[in-house]
Amino acid sequence: MKPAIKLTQVTMDELQAILDRAKATLGEDDYEKLKAVVDSYAYLTDLVKNKDTTIKRLRQMLFGSSTEKTVAVIKKEEEEDQAESPPATNEDSRAPPEKTDSFVETPVS
């Protein structure tokens, strides 16, 4: 079991002061990346504090929204494979049909 994470209260002013001190030792590129992480953390913290923000919205912001369902992608690939395959010969028509996997779409919570 993982040990509990120790939470530390830090204000945005304190984080900005730490960033300013780190800028002297970090290169400009690394500083900009670290600043982006801190700014993102502050933004997400504010969203979580807002009672109207949903978990679904946070997931979409962090991971993007799903544009295609797996079933649709698999079906499309199967159709492309069938279109590319050569016509069956007499030998192929005697072979038993291939087994196919069935896919069940489950909701994501």
PDB file of N, CA and C in Angstrom:
ATOM      1  N   MET A   1       0.838  -1.168   0.000  1.00  0.00           N
ATOM      2  CA  MET A   1       0.000   0.000   0.000  1.00  0.00           C
ATOM      3  C   MET A   1       0.892   1.243   0.000  1.00  0.00           C
ATOM      4  N   LYS A   2       0.520   2.216  -0.815  1.00  0.00           N
ATOM      5  CA  LYS A   2       1.316   3.435  -0.915  1.00  0.00           C
ATOM      6  C   LYS A   2       1.172   4.264   0.354  1.00  0.00           C
ATOM      7  N   PRO A   3       2.265   4.894   0.777  1.00  0.00           N
ATOM      8  CA  PRO A   3       2.156   5.772   1.945  1.00  0.00           C
ATOM      9  C   PRO A   3       1.318   7.001   1.601  1.00  0.00           C
ATOM     10  N   ALA A   4       0.694   7.562   2.605  1.00  0.00           N
ATOM     11  CA  ALA A   4      -0.147   8.742   2.398  1.00  0.00           C
ATOM     12  C   ALA A   4       0.698   9.918   1.919  1.00  0.00           C
ATOM     13  N   ILE A   5       0.126  10.716   1.041  1.00  0.00           N
ATOM     14  CA  ILE A   5       0.812  11.895   0.527  1.00  0.00           C
ATOM     15  C   ILE A   5       0.682  13.009   1.550  1.00  0.00           C
ATOM     16  N   LYS A   6       1.790  13.660   1.841  1.00  0.00           N
ATOM     17  CA  LYS A   6       1.766  14.776   2.781  1.00  0.00           C
ATOM     18  C   LYS A   6       1.361  16.029   2.004  1.00  0.00           C
ATOM     19  N   LEU A   7       0.278  16.643   2.417  1.00  0.00           N
ATOM     20  CA  LEU A   7      -0.197  17.858   1.774  1.00  0.00           C
ATOM     21  C   LEU A   7       0.437  19.076   2.424  1.00  0.00           C
ATOM     22  N   THR A   8       0.846  20.010   1.602  1.00  0.00           N
ATOM     23  CA  THR A   8       1.459  21.236   2.088  1.00  0.00           C
ATOM     24  C   THR A   8       0.679  22.418   1.543  1.00  0.00           C
ATOM     25  N   GLN A   9       0.331  23.330   2.411  1.00  0.00           N
ATOM     26  CA  GLN A   9      -0.378  24.539   2.002  1.00  0.00           C
ATOM     27  C   GLN A   9       0.628  25.567   1.505  1.00  0.00           C
ATOM     28  N   VAL A  10       0.482  25.998   0.262  1.00  0.00           N
ATOM     29  CA  VAL A  10       1.368  26.991  -0.332  1.00  0.00           C
ATOM     30  C   VAL A  10       0.505  27.994  -1.072  1.00  0.00           C
ATOM     31  N   THR A  11       0.756  29.261  -0.846  1.00  0.00           N
ATOM     32  CA  THR A  11       0.000  30.293  -1.557  1.00  0.00           C
ATOM     33  C   THR A  11       0.607  30.506  -2.934  1.00  0.00           C
ATOM     34  N   MET A  12      -0.144  31.128  -3.808  1.00  0.00           N
ATOM     35  CA  MET A  12       0.369  31.426  -5.144  1.00  0.00           C
ATOM     36  C   MET A  12       1.544  32.405  -5.067  1.00  0.00           C
ATOM     37  N   ASP A  13       1.523  33.319  -4.102  1.00  0.00           N
ATOM     38  CA  ASP A  13       2.650  34.242  -3.931  1.00  0.00           C
ATOM     39  C   ASP A  13       3.927  33.480  -3.577  1.00  0.00           C
ATOM     40  N   GLU A  14       3.797  32.480  -2.685  1.00  0.00           N
ATOM     41  CA  GLU A  14       4.958  31.662  -2.326  1.00  0.00           C
ATOM     42  C   GLU A  14       5.467  30.879  -3.534  1.00  0.00           C
ATOM     43  N   LEU A  15       4.551  30.312  -4.308  1.00  0.00           N
ATOM     44  CA  LEU A  15       4.950  29.579  -5.510  1.00  0.00           C
ATOM     45  C   LEU A  15       5.647  30.496  -6.516  1.00  0.00           C
ATOM     46  N   GLN A  16       5.148  31.708  -6.656  1.00  0.00           N
ATOM     47  CA  GLN A  16       5.768  32.659  -7.580  1.00  0.00           C
ATOM     48  C   GLN A  16       7.176  33.020  -7.112  1.00  0.00           C
ATOM     49  N   ALA A  17       7.354  33.179  -5.806  1.00  0.00           N
ATOM     50  CA  ALA A  17       8.683  33.481  -5.271  1.00  0.00           C
ATOM     51  C   ALA A  17       9.646  32.318  -5.529  1.00  0.00           C
ATOM     52  N   ILE A  18       9.162  31.096  -5.366  1.00  0.00           N
ATOM     53  CA  ILE A  18       9.990  29.917  -5.644  1.00  0.00           C
ATOM     54  C   ILE A  18      10.355  29.878  -7.127  1.00  0.00           C
ATOM     55  N   LEU A  19       9.389  30.168  -7.980  1.00  0.00           N
ATOM     56  CA  LEU A  19       9.651  30.203  -9.422  1.00  0.00           C
ATOM     57  C   LEU A  19      10.703  31.252  -9.766  1.00  0.00           C
ATOM     58  N   ASP A  20      10.582  32.426  -9.150  1.00  0.00           N
ATOM     59  CA  ASP A  20      11.551  33.496  -9.420  1.00  0.00           C
ATOM     60  C   ASP A  20      12.967  33.079  -9.030  1.00  0.00           C
ATOM     61  N   ARG A  21      13.087  32.392  -7.877  1.00  0.00           N
ATOM     62  CA  ARG A  21      14.408  31.917  -7.454  1.00  0.00           C
ATOM     63  C   ARG A  21      14.917  30.809  -8.379  1.00  0.00           C
ATOM     64  N   ALA A  22      14.012  29.953  -8.843  1.00  0.00           N
ATOM     65  CA  ALA A  22      14.406  28.837  -9.708  1.00  0.00           C
ATOM     66  C   ALA A  22      14.817  29.327 -11.097  1.00  0.00           C
ATOM     67  N   LYS A  23      14.297  30.471 -11.504  1.00  0.00           N
ATOM     68  CA  LYS A  23      14.601  30.994 -12.836  1.00  0.00           C
ATOM     69  C   LYS A  23      16.104  31.218 -13.018  1.00  0.00           C
ATOM     70  N   ALA A  24      16.789  31.583 -11.929  1.00  0.00           N
ATOM     71  CA  ALA A  24      18.234  31.835 -11.999  1.00  0.00           C
ATOM     72  C   ALA A  24      19.018  30.562 -12.329  1.00  0.00           C
ATOM     73  N   THR A  25      18.535  29.404 -11.873  1.00  0.00           N
ATOM     74  CA  THR A  25      19.273  28.163 -12.112  1.00  0.00           C
ATOM     75  C   THR A  25      18.735  27.359 -13.296  1.00  0.00           C
ATOM     76  N   LEU A  26      17.476  27.529 -13.608  1.00  0.00           N
ATOM     77  CA  LEU A  26      16.894  26.799 -14.737  1.00  0.00           C
ATOM     78  C   LEU A  26      17.134  27.553 -16.036  1.00  0.00           C
ATOM     79  N   GLY A  27      17.194  26.841 -17.111  1.00  0.00           N
ATOM     80  CA  GLY A  27      17.225  27.486 -18.414  1.00  0.00           C
ATOM     81  C   GLY A  27      15.847  28.075 -18.702  1.00  0.00           C
ATOM     82  N   GLU A  28      15.759  28.935 -19.687  1.00  0.00           N
ATOM     83  CA  GLU A  28      14.493  29.599 -20.011  1.00  0.00           C
ATOM     84  C   GLU A  28      13.411  28.587 -20.371  1.00  0.00           C
ATOM     85  N   ASP A  29      13.777  27.565 -21.133  1.00  0.00           N
ATOM     86  CA  ASP A  29      12.808  26.554 -21.555  1.00  0.00           C
ATOM     87  C   ASP A  29      12.253  25.786 -20.352  1.00  0.00           C
ATOM     88  N   ASP A  30      13.147  25.341 -19.461  1.00  0.00           N
ATOM     89  CA  ASP A  30      12.708  24.617 -18.260  1.00  0.00           C
ATOM     90  C   ASP A  30      11.877  25.511 -17.353  1.00  0.00           C
ATOM     91  N   TYR A  31      12.269  26.767 -17.222  1.00  0.00           N
ATOM     92  CA  TYR A  31      11.507  27.702 -16.395  1.00  0.00           C
ATOM     93  C   TYR A  31      10.086  27.861 -16.936  1.00  0.00           C
ATOM     94  N   GLU A  32       9.953  28.016 -18.248  1.00  0.00           N
ATOM     95  CA  GLU A  32       8.629  28.198 -18.857  1.00  0.00           C
ATOM     96  C   GLU A  32       7.752  26.962 -18.637  1.00  0.00           C
ATOM     97  N   LYS A  33       8.353  25.764 -18.721  1.00  0.00           N
ATOM     98  CA  LYS A  33       7.597  24.540 -18.476  1.00  0.00           C
ATOM     99  C   LYS A  33       7.134  24.461 -17.024  1.00  0.00           C
ATOM    100  N   LEU A  34       8.035  24.773 -16.097  1.00  0.00           N
ATOM    101  CA  LEU A  34       7.685  24.743 -14.680  1.00  0.00           C
ATOM    102  C   LEU A  34       6.610  25.778 -14.362  1.00  0.00           C
ATOM    103  N   LYS A  35       6.718  26.949 -14.946  1.00  0.00           N
ATOM    104  CA  LYS A  35       5.722  27.999 -14.741  1.00  0.00           C
ATOM    105  C   LYS A  35       4.364  27.559 -15.281  1.00  0.00           C
ATOM    106  N   ALA A  36       4.352  26.882 -16.434  1.00  0.00           N
ATOM    107  CA  ALA A  36       3.104  26.383 -17.005  1.00  0.00           C
ATOM    108  C   ALA A  36       2.450  25.351 -16.080  1.00  0.00           C
ATOM    109  N   VAL A  37       3.266  24.501 -15.456  1.00  0.00           N
ATOM    110  CA  VAL A  37       2.736  23.505 -14.521  1.00  0.00           C
ATOM    111  C   VAL A  37       2.115  24.195 -13.309  1.00  0.00           C
ATOM    112  N   VAL A  38       2.799  25.177 -12.772  1.00  0.00           N
ATOM    113  CA  VAL A  38       2.289  25.910 -11.603  1.00  0.00           C
ATOM    114  C   VAL A  38       1.006  26.649 -11.959  1.00  0.00           C
ATOM    115  N   ASP A  39       0.991  27.297 -13.123  1.00  0.00           N
ATOM    116  CA  ASP A  39      -0.221  28.010 -13.553  1.00  0.00           C
ATOM    117  C   ASP A  39      -1.383  27.044 -13.761  1.00  0.00           C
ATOM    118  N   SER A  40      -1.101  25.877 -14.340  1.00  0.00           N
ATOM    119  CA  SER A  40      -2.149  24.867 -14.550  1.00  0.00           C
ATOM    120  C   SER A  40      -2.683  24.354 -13.219  1.00  0.00           C
ATOM    121  N   TYR A  41      -1.779  24.125 -12.286  1.00  0.00           N
ATOM    122  CA  TYR A  41      -2.184  23.678 -10.951  1.00  0.00           C
ATOM    123  C   TYR A  41      -3.106  24.706 -10.299  1.00  0.00           C
ATOM    124  N   ALA A  42      -2.745  25.972 -10.393  1.00  0.00           N
ATOM    125  CA  ALA A  42      -3.563  27.029  -9.805  1.00  0.00           C
ATOM    126  C   ALA A  42      -4.941  27.070 -10.455  1.00  0.00           C
ATOM    127  N   TYR A  43      -4.976  26.941 -11.771  1.00  0.00           N
ATOM    128  CA  TYR A  43      -6.244  26.969 -12.500  1.00  0.00           C
ATOM    129  C   TYR A  43      -7.129  25.788 -12.109  1.00  0.00           C
ATOM    130  N   LEU A  44      -6.549  24.587 -12.061  1.00  0.00           N
ATOM    131  CA  LEU A  44      -7.329  23.407 -11.684  1.00  0.00           C
ATOM    132  C   LEU A  44      -7.808  23.482 -10.239  1.00  0.00           C
ATOM    133  N   THR A  45      -6.977  24.029  -9.367  1.00  0.00           N
ATOM    134  CA  THR A  45      -7.378  24.199  -7.970  1.00  0.00           C
ATOM    135  C   THR A  45      -8.592  25.106  -7.872  1.00  0.00           C
ATOM    136  N   ASP A  46      -8.583  26.197  -8.631  1.00  0.00           N
ATOM    137  CA  ASP A  46      -9.733  27.106  -8.645  1.00  0.00           C
ATOM    138  C   ASP A  46     -10.981  26.412  -9.188  1.00  0.00           C
ATOM    139  N   LEU A  47     -10.819  25.598 -10.232  1.00  0.00           N
ATOM    140  CA  LEU A  47     -11.965  24.878 -10.785  1.00  0.00           C
ATOM    141  C   LEU A  47     -12.547  23.895  -9.781  1.00  0.00           C
ATOM    142  N   VAL A  48     -11.677  23.199  -9.053  1.00  0.00           N
ATOM    143  CA  VAL A  48     -12.151  22.232  -8.065  1.00  0.00           C
ATOM    144  C   VAL A  48     -12.903  22.941  -6.939  1.00  0.00           C
ATOM    145  N   LYS A  49     -12.452  24.127  -6.583  1.00  0.00           N
ATOM    146  CA  LYS A  49     -13.136  24.897  -5.538  1.00  0.00           C
ATOM    147  C   LYS A  49     -14.530  25.342  -5.984  1.00  0.00           C
ATOM    148  N   ASN A  50     -14.713  25.532  -7.285  1.00  0.00           N
ATOM    149  CA  ASN A  50     -15.994  25.972  -7.824  1.00  0.00           C
ATOM    150  C   ASN A  50     -16.982  24.816  -7.760  1.00  0.00           C
ATOM    151  N   LYS A  51     -18.090  25.005  -7.073  1.00  0.00           N
ATOM    152  CA  LYS A  51     -19.056  23.926  -6.879  1.00  0.00           C
ATOM    153  C   LYS A  51     -19.766  23.528  -8.177  1.00  0.00           C
ATOM    154  N   ASP A  52     -19.706  24.362  -9.194  1.00  0.00           N
ATOM    155  CA  ASP A  52     -20.378  24.054 -10.451  1.00  0.00           C
ATOM    156  C   ASP A  52     -19.515  23.233 -11.415  1.00  0.00           C
ATOM    157  N   THR A  53     -18.238  23.054 -11.092  1.00  0.00           N
ATOM    158  CA  THR A  53     -17.351  22.280 -11.952  1.00  0.00           C
ATOM    159  C   THR A  53     -17.617  20.791 -11.749  1.00  0.00           C
ATOM    160  N   THR A  54     -17.824  20.074 -12.848  1.00  0.00           N
ATOM    161  CA  THR A  54     -18.099  18.641 -12.756  1.00  0.00           C
ATOM    162  C   THR A  54     -16.820  17.840 -13.004  1.00  0.00           C
ATOM    163  N   ILE A  55     -16.832  16.614 -12.529  1.00  0.00           N
ATOM    164  CA  ILE A  55     -15.715  15.706 -12.776  1.00  0.00           C
ATOM    165  C   ILE A  55     -15.570  15.484 -14.283  1.00  0.00           C
ATOM    166  N   LYS A  56     -16.697  15.376 -14.976  1.00  0.00           N
ATOM    167  CA  LYS A  56     -16.661  15.178 -16.426  1.00  0.00           C
ATOM    168  C   LYS A  56     -15.922  16.322 -17.108  1.00  0.00           C
ATOM    169  N   ARG A  57     -16.199  17.550 -16.688  1.00  0.00           N
ATOM    170  CA  ARG A  57     -15.538  18.707 -17.293  1.00  0.00           C
ATOM    171  C   ARG A  57     -14.036  18.681 -17.009  1.00  0.00           C
ATOM    172  N   LEU A  58     -13.658  18.344 -15.787  1.00  0.00           N
ATOM    173  CA  LEU A  58     -12.239  18.256 -15.447  1.00  0.00           C
ATOM    174  C   LEU A  58     -11.538  17.195 -16.294  1.00  0.00           C
ATOM    175  N   ARG A  59     -12.177  16.045 -16.463  1.00  0.00           N
ATOM    176  CA  ARG A  59     -11.590  14.982 -17.295  1.00  0.00           C
ATOM    177  C   ARG A  59     -11.405  15.445 -18.734  1.00  0.00           C
ATOM    178  N   GLN A  60     -12.410  16.145 -19.263  1.00  0.00           N
ATOM    179  CA  GLN A  60     -12.303  16.636 -20.634  1.00  0.00           C
ATOM    180  C   GLN A  60     -11.165  17.639 -20.770  1.00  0.00           C
ATOM    181  N   MET A  61     -10.988  18.483 -19.765  1.00  0.00           N
ATOM    182  CA  MET A  61      -9.926  19.481 -19.812  1.00  0.00           C
ATOM    183  C   MET A  61      -8.547  18.821 -19.741  1.00  0.00           C
ATOM    184  N   LEU A  62      -8.429  17.824 -18.877  1.00  0.00           N
ATOM    185  CA  LEU A  62      -7.130  17.176 -18.680  1.00  0.00           C
ATOM    186  C   LEU A  62      -6.775  16.194 -19.792  1.00  0.00           C
ATOM    187  N   PHE A  63      -7.754  15.439 -20.252  1.00  0.00           N
ATOM    188  CA  PHE A  63      -7.462  14.353 -21.178  1.00  0.00           C
ATOM    189  C   PHE A  63      -8.076  14.538 -22.561  1.00  0.00           C
ATOM    190  N   GLY A  64      -8.862  15.596 -22.751  1.00  0.00           N
ATOM    191  CA  GLY A  64      -9.530  15.810 -24.032  1.00  0.00           C
ATOM    192  C   GLY A  64     -10.802  14.987 -24.097  1.00  0.00           C
ATOM    193  N   SER A  65     -11.682  15.370 -24.997  1.00  0.00           N
ATOM    194  CA  SER A  65     -12.929  14.623 -25.121  1.00  0.00           C
ATOM    195  C   SER A  65     -12.763  13.508 -26.131  1.00  0.00           C
ATOM    196  N   SER A  66     -13.470  12.447 -25.904  1.00  0.00           N
ATOM    197  CA  SER A  66     -13.419  11.292 -26.791  1.00  0.00           C
ATOM    198  C   SER A  66     -14.185  11.634 -28.064  1.00  0.00           C
ATOM    199  N   THR A  67     -13.543  11.417 -29.207  1.00  0.00           N
ATOM    200  CA  THR A  67     -14.184  11.775 -30.463  1.00  0.00           C
ATOM    201  C   THR A  67     -14.758  10.581 -31.200  1.00  0.00           C
ATOM    202  N   GLU A  68     -14.209   9.400 -30.957  1.00  0.00           N
ATOM    203  CA  GLU A  68     -14.702   8.209 -31.624  1.00  0.00           C
ATOM    204  C   GLU A  68     -14.862   7.079 -30.622  1.00  0.00           C
ATOM    205  N   LYS A  69     -15.894   6.289 -30.842  1.00  0.00           N
ATOM    206  CA  LYS A  69     -16.116   5.114 -30.018  1.00  0.00           C
ATOM    207  C   LYS A  69     -15.290   3.958 -30.570  1.00  0.00           C
ATOM    208  N   THR A  70     -14.812   3.095 -29.708  1.00  0.00           N
ATOM    209  CA  THR A  70     -13.993   1.959 -30.114  1.00  0.00           C
ATOM    210  C   THR A  70     -14.721   1.091 -31.132  1.00  0.00           C
ATOM    211  N   VAL A  71     -15.998   0.856 -30.917  1.00  0.00           N
ATOM    212  CA  VAL A  71     -16.769   0.007 -31.817  1.00  0.00           C
ATOM    213  C   VAL A  71     -16.757   0.581 -33.231  1.00  0.00           C
ATOM    214  N   ALA A  72     -16.884   1.895 -33.361  1.00  0.00           N
ATOM    215  CA  ALA A  72     -16.893   2.528 -34.684  1.00  0.00           C
ATOM    216  C   ALA A  72     -15.529   2.394 -35.356  1.00  0.00           C
ATOM    217  N   VAL A  73     -14.457   2.533 -34.602  1.00  0.00           N
ATOM    218  CA  VAL A  73     -13.109   2.415 -35.161  1.00  0.00           C
ATOM    219  C   VAL A  73     -12.852   0.988 -35.622  1.00  0.00           C
ATOM    220  N   ILE A  74     -13.214  -0.003 -34.814  1.00  0.00           N
ATOM    221  CA  ILE A  74     -13.018  -1.409 -35.163  1.00  0.00           C
ATOM    222  C   ILE A  74     -13.826  -1.755 -36.412  1.00  0.00           C
ATOM    223  N   LYS A  75     -15.062  -1.308 -36.470  1.00  0.00           N
ATOM    224  CA  LYS A  75     -15.921  -1.583 -37.623  1.00  0.00           C
ATOM    225  C   LYS A  75     -15.305  -0.985 -38.891  1.00  0.00           C
ATOM    226  N   LYS A  76     -14.800   0.223 -38.797  1.00  0.00           N
ATOM    227  CA  LYS A  76     -14.188   0.900 -39.936  1.00  0.00           C
ATOM    228  C   LYS A  76     -12.957   0.119 -40.416  1.00  0.00           C
ATOM    229  N   GLU A  77     -12.114  -0.334 -39.485  1.00  0.00           N
ATOM    230  CA  GLU A  77     -10.925  -1.107 -39.833  1.00  0.00           C
ATOM    231  C   GLU A  77     -11.297  -2.427 -40.496  1.00  0.00           C
ATOM    232  N   GLU A  78     -12.340  -3.096 -39.995  1.00  0.00           N
ATOM    233  CA  GLU A  78     -12.774  -4.358 -40.583  1.00  0.00           C
ATOM    234  C   GLU A  78     -13.262  -4.149 -42.013  1.00  0.00           C
ATOM    235  N   GLU A  79     -14.000  -3.058 -42.233  1.00  0.00           N
ATOM    236  CA  GLU A  79     -14.490  -2.760 -43.576  1.00  0.00           C
ATOM    237  C   GLU A  79     -13.334  -2.489 -44.526  1.00  0.00           C
ATOM    238  N   GLU A  80     -12.308  -1.776 -44.062  1.00  0.00           N
ATOM    239  CA  GLU A  80     -11.133  -1.505 -44.891  1.00  0.00           C
ATOM    240  C   GLU A  80     -10.386  -2.789 -45.201  1.00  0.00           C
ATOM    241  N   ASP A  81     -10.261  -3.682 -44.213  1.00  0.00           N
ATOM    242  CA  ASP A  81      -9.582  -4.960 -44.429  1.00  0.00           C
ATOM    243  C   ASP A  81     -10.324  -5.803 -45.459  1.00  0.00           C
ATOM    244  N   GLN A  82     -11.638  -5.823 -45.377  1.00  0.00           N
ATOM    245  CA  GLN A  82     -12.431  -6.597 -46.329  1.00  0.00           C
ATOM    246  C   GLN A  82     -12.304  -6.029 -47.731  1.00  0.00           C
ATOM    247  N   ALA A  83     -12.251  -4.727 -47.859  1.00  0.00           N
ATOM    248  CA  ALA A  83     -12.132  -4.096 -49.173  1.00  0.00           C
ATOM    249  C   ALA A  83     -10.765  -4.379 -49.797  1.00  0.00           C
ATOM    250  N   GLU A  84      -9.727  -4.522 -48.988  1.00  0.00           N
ATOM    251  CA  GLU A  84      -8.374  -4.750 -49.481  1.00  0.00           C
ATOM    252  C   GLU A  84      -8.079  -6.221 -49.755  1.00  0.00           C
ATOM    253  N   SER A  85      -8.814  -7.140 -49.147  1.00  0.00           N
ATOM    254  CA  SER A  85      -8.497  -8.564 -49.291  1.00  0.00           C
ATOM    255  C   SER A  85      -8.931  -9.070 -50.662  1.00  0.00           C
ATOM    256  N   PRO A  86      -8.151 -10.016 -51.252  1.00  0.00           N
ATOM    257  CA  PRO A  86      -8.500 -10.565 -52.566  1.00  0.00           C
ATOM    258  C   PRO A  86      -9.727 -11.459 -52.464  1.00  0.00           C
ATOM    259  N   PRO A  87     -10.409 -11.680 -53.578  1.00  0.00           N
ATOM    260  CA  PRO A  87     -11.585 -12.549 -53.543  1.00  0.00           C
ATOM    261  C   PRO A  87     -11.199 -13.974 -53.131  1.00  0.00           C
ATOM    262  N   ALA A  88     -12.115 -14.674 -52.514  1.00  0.00           N
ATOM    263  CA  ALA A  88     -11.861 -16.021 -52.012  1.00  0.00           C
ATOM    264  C   ALA A  88     -11.754 -17.006 -53.161  1.00  0.00           C
ATOM    265  N   THR A  89     -10.849 -17.977 -53.033  1.00  0.00           N
ATOM    266  CA  THR A  89     -10.720 -19.054 -54.024  1.00  0.00           C
ATOM    267  C   THR A  89     -11.583 -20.214 -53.578  1.00  0.00           C
ATOM    268  N   ASN A  90     -11.675 -21.244 -54.410  1.00  0.00           N
ATOM    269  CA  ASN A  90     -12.471 -22.421 -54.048  1.00  0.00           C
ATOM    270  C   ASN A  90     -11.985 -23.042 -52.750  1.00  0.00           C
ATOM    271  N   GLU A  91     -10.658 -23.034 -52.553  1.00  0.00           N
ATOM    272  CA  GLU A  91     -10.084 -23.605 -51.346  1.00  0.00           C
ATOM    273  C   GLU A  91     -10.516 -22.818 -50.107  1.00  0.00           C
ATOM    274  N   ASP A  92     -10.520 -21.488 -50.228  1.00  0.00           N
ATOM    275  CA  ASP A  92     -10.903 -20.639 -49.098  1.00  0.00           C
ATOM    276  C   ASP A  92     -12.371 -20.814 -48.745  1.00  0.00           C
ATOM    277  N   SER A  93     -13.222 -21.067 -49.728  1.00  0.00           N
ATOM    278  CA  SER A  93     -14.655 -21.141 -49.456  1.00  0.00           C
ATOM    279  C   SER A  93     -15.010 -22.402 -48.670  1.00  0.00           C
ATOM    280  N   ARG A  94     -14.134 -23.421 -48.694  1.00  0.00           N
ATOM    281  CA  ARG A  94     -14.399 -24.646 -47.941  1.00  0.00           C
ATOM    282  C   ARG A  94     -13.933 -24.531 -46.490  1.00  0.00           C
ATOM    283  N   ALA A  95     -13.103 -23.554 -46.214  1.00  0.00           N
ATOM    284  CA  ALA A  95     -12.581 -23.397 -44.851  1.00  0.00           C
ATOM    285  C   ALA A  95     -13.689 -22.866 -43.942  1.00  0.00           C
ATOM    286  N   PRO A  96     -13.668 -23.280 -42.671  1.00  0.00           N
ATOM    287  CA  PRO A  96     -14.680 -22.766 -41.738  1.00  0.00           C
ATOM    288  C   PRO A  96     -14.491 -21.260 -41.539  1.00  0.00           C
ATOM    289  N   PRO A  97     -15.564 -20.571 -41.243  1.00  0.00           N
ATOM    290  CA  PRO A  97     -15.436 -19.121 -41.046  1.00  0.00           C
ATOM    291  C   PRO A  97     -14.549 -18.805 -39.847  1.00  0.00           C
ATOM    292  N   GLU A  98     -13.840 -17.697 -39.950  1.00  0.00           N
ATOM    293  CA  GLU A  98     -12.962 -17.284 -38.851  1.00  0.00           C
ATOM    294  C   GLU A  98     -13.797 -16.780 -37.686  1.00  0.00           C
ATOM    295  N   LYS A  99     -13.288 -17.010 -36.480  1.00  0.00           N
ATOM    296  CA  LYS A  99     -13.951 -16.467 -35.294  1.00  0.00           C
ATOM    297  C   LYS A  99     -13.632 -14.986 -35.196  1.00  0.00           C
ATOM    298  N   THR A 100     -14.602 -14.213 -34.753  1.00  0.00           N
ATOM    299  CA  THR A 100     -14.372 -12.782 -34.560  1.00  0.00           C
ATOM    300  C   THR A 100     -14.653 -12.442 -33.116  1.00  0.00           C
ATOM    301  N   ASP A 101     -13.945 -11.462 -32.627  1.00  0.00           N
ATOM    302  CA  ASP A 101     -14.179 -10.997 -31.266  1.00  0.00           C
ATOM    303  C   ASP A 101     -15.397 -10.091 -31.274  1.00  0.00           C
ATOM    304  N   SER A 102     -16.166 -10.160 -30.230  1.00  0.00           N
ATOM    305  CA  SER A 102     -17.278  -9.222 -30.117  1.00  0.00           C
ATOM    306  C   SER A 102     -16.884  -8.171 -29.087  1.00  0.00           C
ATOM    307  N   PHE A 103     -17.299  -6.974 -29.328  1.00  0.00           N
ATOM    308  CA  PHE A 103     -16.954  -5.860 -28.464  1.00  0.00           C
ATOM    309  C   PHE A 103     -18.197  -5.364 -27.755  1.00  0.00           C
ATOM    310  N   VAL A 104     -18.048  -5.104 -26.471  1.00  0.00           N
ATOM    311  CA  VAL A 104     -19.144  -4.580 -25.675  1.00  0.00           C
ATOM    312  C   VAL A 104     -18.723  -3.205 -25.198  1.00  0.00           C
ATOM    313  N   GLU A 105     -19.565  -2.243 -25.462  1.00  0.00           N
ATOM    314  CA  GLU A 105     -19.271  -0.880 -25.039  1.00  0.00           C
ATOM    315  C   GLU A 105     -19.760  -0.703 -23.620  1.00  0.00           C
ATOM    316  N   THR A 106     -18.865  -0.258 -22.732  1.00  0.00           N
ATOM    317  CA  THR A 106     -19.241  -0.038 -21.342  1.00  0.00           C
ATOM    318  C   THR A 106     -19.077   1.436 -21.011  1.00  0.00           C
ATOM    319  N   PRO A 107     -19.948   1.960 -20.189  1.00  0.00           N
ATOM    320  CA  PRO A 107     -19.838   3.373 -19.837  1.00  0.00           C
ATOM    321  C   PRO A 107     -18.604   3.630 -18.987  1.00  0.00           C
ATOM    322  N   VAL A 108     -18.020   4.793 -19.157  1.00  0.00           N
ATOM    323  CA  VAL A 108     -16.872   5.213 -18.369  1.00  0.00           C
ATOM    324  C   VAL A 108     -17.368   6.096 -17.262  1.00  0.00           C
ATOM    325  N   SER A 109     -16.981   5.777 -16.051  1.00  0.00           N
ATOM    326  CA  SER A 109     -17.461   6.602 -14.929  1.00  0.00           C
ATOM    327  C   SER A 109     -16.436   7.605 -14.538  1.00  0.00           C
TER     328      SER A 109
END
